[in-house]
C-alpha atoms as a PDB file:
ATOM      1  CA  UNK A   1      32.693 -64.260  48.321  1.00  0.00           C
ATOM      2  CA  UNK A   2      35.866 -64.748  46.163  1.00  0.00           C
ATOM      3  CA  UNK A   3      33.663 -64.686  43.021  1.00  0.00           C
ATOM      4  CA  UNK A   4      32.041 -61.410  44.143  1.00  0.00           C
ATOM      5  CA  UNK A   5      35.420 -59.884  44.789  1.00  0.00           C
ATOM      6  CA  UNK A   6      36.463 -61.089  41.280  1.00  0.00           C
ATOM      7  CA  UNK A   7      33.476 -59.291  39.773  1.00  0.00           C
ATOM      8  CA  UNK A   8      31.849 -62.540  38.521  1.00  0.00           C
ATOM      9  CA  UNK A   9      28.428 -61.208  37.242  1.00  0.00           C
ATOM     10  CA  UNK A  10      26.477 -64.278  38.268  1.00  0.00           C
ATOM     11  CA  UNK A  11      27.944 -64.140  41.817  1.00  0.00           C
ATOM     12  CA  UNK A  12      27.184 -60.370  41.959  1.00  0.00           C
ATOM     13  CA  UNK A  13      23.613 -61.022  41.008  1.00  0.00           C
ATOM     14  CA  UNK A  14      23.213 -63.915  43.453  1.00  0.00           C
ATOM     15  CA  UNK A  15      24.557 -61.605  46.234  1.00  0.00           C
ATOM     16  CA  UNK A  16      22.040 -59.048  45.181  1.00  0.00           C
ATOM     17  CA  UNK A  17      19.182 -61.449  45.576  1.00  0.00           C
ATOM     18  CA  UNK A  18      20.528 -62.399  48.978  1.00  0.00           C
ATOM     19  CA  UNK A  19      20.541 -58.813  49.983  1.00  0.00           C
ATOM     20  CA  UNK A  20      17.120 -58.197  48.433  1.00  0.00           C
ATOM     21  CA  UNK A  21      15.581 -61.063  50.474  1.00  0.00           C
ATOM     22  CA  UNK A  22      17.081 -59.413  53.661  1.00  0.00           C
ATOM     23  CA  UNK A  23      15.304 -56.260  52.605  1.00  0.00           C
ATOM     24  CA  UNK A  24      18.670 -54.503  52.240  1.00  0.00           C
ATOM     25  CA  UNK A  25      17.652 -52.769  49.019  1.00  0.00           C
ATOM     26  CA  UNK A  26      20.498 -50.415  48.881  1.00  0.00           C
ATOM     27  CA  UNK A  27      23.054 -53.204  48.770  1.00  0.00           C
ATOM     28  CA  UNK A  28      20.924 -55.278  46.441  1.00  0.00           C
ATOM     29  CA  UNK A  29      20.782 -52.316  44.073  1.00  0.00           C
ATOM     30  CA  UNK A  30      24.591 -51.940  44.148  1.00  0.00           C
ATOM     31  CA  UNK A  31      25.186 -55.641  43.423  1.00  0.00           C
ATOM     32  CA  UNK A  32      22.500 -55.731  40.566  1.00  0.00           C
ATOM     33  CA  UNK A  33      24.027 -52.628  39.066  1.00  0.00           C
ATOM     34  CA  UNK A  34      27.487 -53.989  39.144  1.00  0.00           C
ATOM     35  CA  UNK A  35      26.285 -57.396  37.587  1.00  0.00           C
ATOM     36  CA  UNK A  36      24.203 -55.563  34.938  1.00  0.00           C
ATOM     37  CA  UNK A  37      27.190 -53.533  33.977  1.00  0.00           C
ATOM     38  CA  UNK A  38      29.004 -56.780  33.320  1.00  0.00           C
ATOM     39  CA  UNK A  39      26.182 -58.155  31.065  1.00  0.00           C
ATOM     40  CA  UNK A  40      24.038 -60.180  33.529  1.00  0.00           C
ATOM     41  CA  UNK A  41      20.469 -60.364  32.242  1.00  0.00           C
ATOM     42  CA  UNK A  42      18.925 -61.474  35.456  1.00  0.00           C
ATOM     43  CA  UNK A  43      20.416 -58.424  37.163  1.00  0.00           C
ATOM     44  CA  UNK A  44      18.949 -56.194  34.481  1.00  0.00           C
ATOM     45  CA  UNK A  45      15.621 -57.754  35.183  1.00  0.00           C
ATOM     46  CA  UNK A  46      15.947 -57.400  38.964  1.00  0.00           C
ATOM     47  CA  UNK A  47      16.786 -53.697  38.471  1.00  0.00           C
ATOM     48  CA  UNK A  48      13.607 -53.267  36.414  1.00  0.00           C
ATOM     49  CA  UNK A  49      11.624 -54.836  39.215  1.00  0.00           C
ATOM     50  CA  UNK A  50      13.192 -52.561  41.809  1.00  0.00           C
ATOM     51  CA  UNK A  51      12.196 -49.486  39.781  1.00  0.00           C
ATOM     52  CA  UNK A  52       8.712 -50.989  39.310  1.00  0.00           C
ATOM     53  CA  UNK A  53       8.134 -51.837  42.934  1.00  0.00           C
ATOM     54  CA  UNK A  54       9.942 -48.857  44.450  1.00  0.00           C
ATOM     55  CA  UNK A  55      12.272 -51.090  46.370  1.00  0.00           C
ATOM     56  CA  UNK A  56      15.185 -48.852  47.527  1.00  0.00           C
ATOM     57  CA  UNK A  57      14.746 -46.524  44.548  1.00  0.00           C
ATOM     58  CA  UNK A  58      12.079 -44.107  43.415  1.00  0.00           C
ATOM     59  CA  UNK A  59       9.573 -45.409  40.958  1.00  0.00           C
ATOM     60  CA  UNK A  60      10.978 -44.695  37.404  1.00  0.00           C
ATOM     61  CA  UNK A  61       9.140 -46.134  34.454  1.00  0.00           C
ATOM     62  CA  UNK A  62      11.869 -45.116  32.030  1.00  0.00           C
ATOM     63  CA  UNK A  63      14.584 -46.862  33.941  1.00  0.00           C
ATOM     64  CA  UNK A  64      12.290 -49.821  34.523  1.00  0.00           C
ATOM     65  CA  UNK A  65      11.695 -50.134  30.837  1.00  0.00           C
ATOM     66  CA  UNK A  66      15.376 -49.653  29.955  1.00  0.00           C
ATOM     67  CA  UNK A  67      16.433 -52.522  32.310  1.00  0.00           C
ATOM     68  CA  UNK A  68      13.678 -54.794  31.093  1.00  0.00           C
ATOM     69  CA  UNK A  69      14.606 -54.185  27.455  1.00  0.00           C
ATOM     70  CA  UNK A  70      18.302 -54.907  28.301  1.00  0.00           C
ATOM     71  CA  UNK A  71      17.263 -58.104  30.037  1.00  0.00           C
ATOM     72  CA  UNK A  72      15.232 -59.085  26.944  1.00  0.00           C
ATOM     73  CA  UNK A  73      17.982 -58.348  24.474  1.00  0.00           C
ATOM     74  CA  UNK A  74      20.529 -60.253  26.481  1.00  0.00           C
END
């Protein structure tokens, strides 16, 4: 949890995955958003999947594509 508190993007993304698996999509979205803002490509990809699958967010093809492109660009 120290790494999450220190805003380590990998730790934030990992915590997002843990929350996603528990179906706490709101928390997962928060962690993925923080990690993506710090440049984590996996978090960008996870956000794109959330927008595609409507997990905690409304389906939004534009946001899905945006996050997918950010993940690809790295």
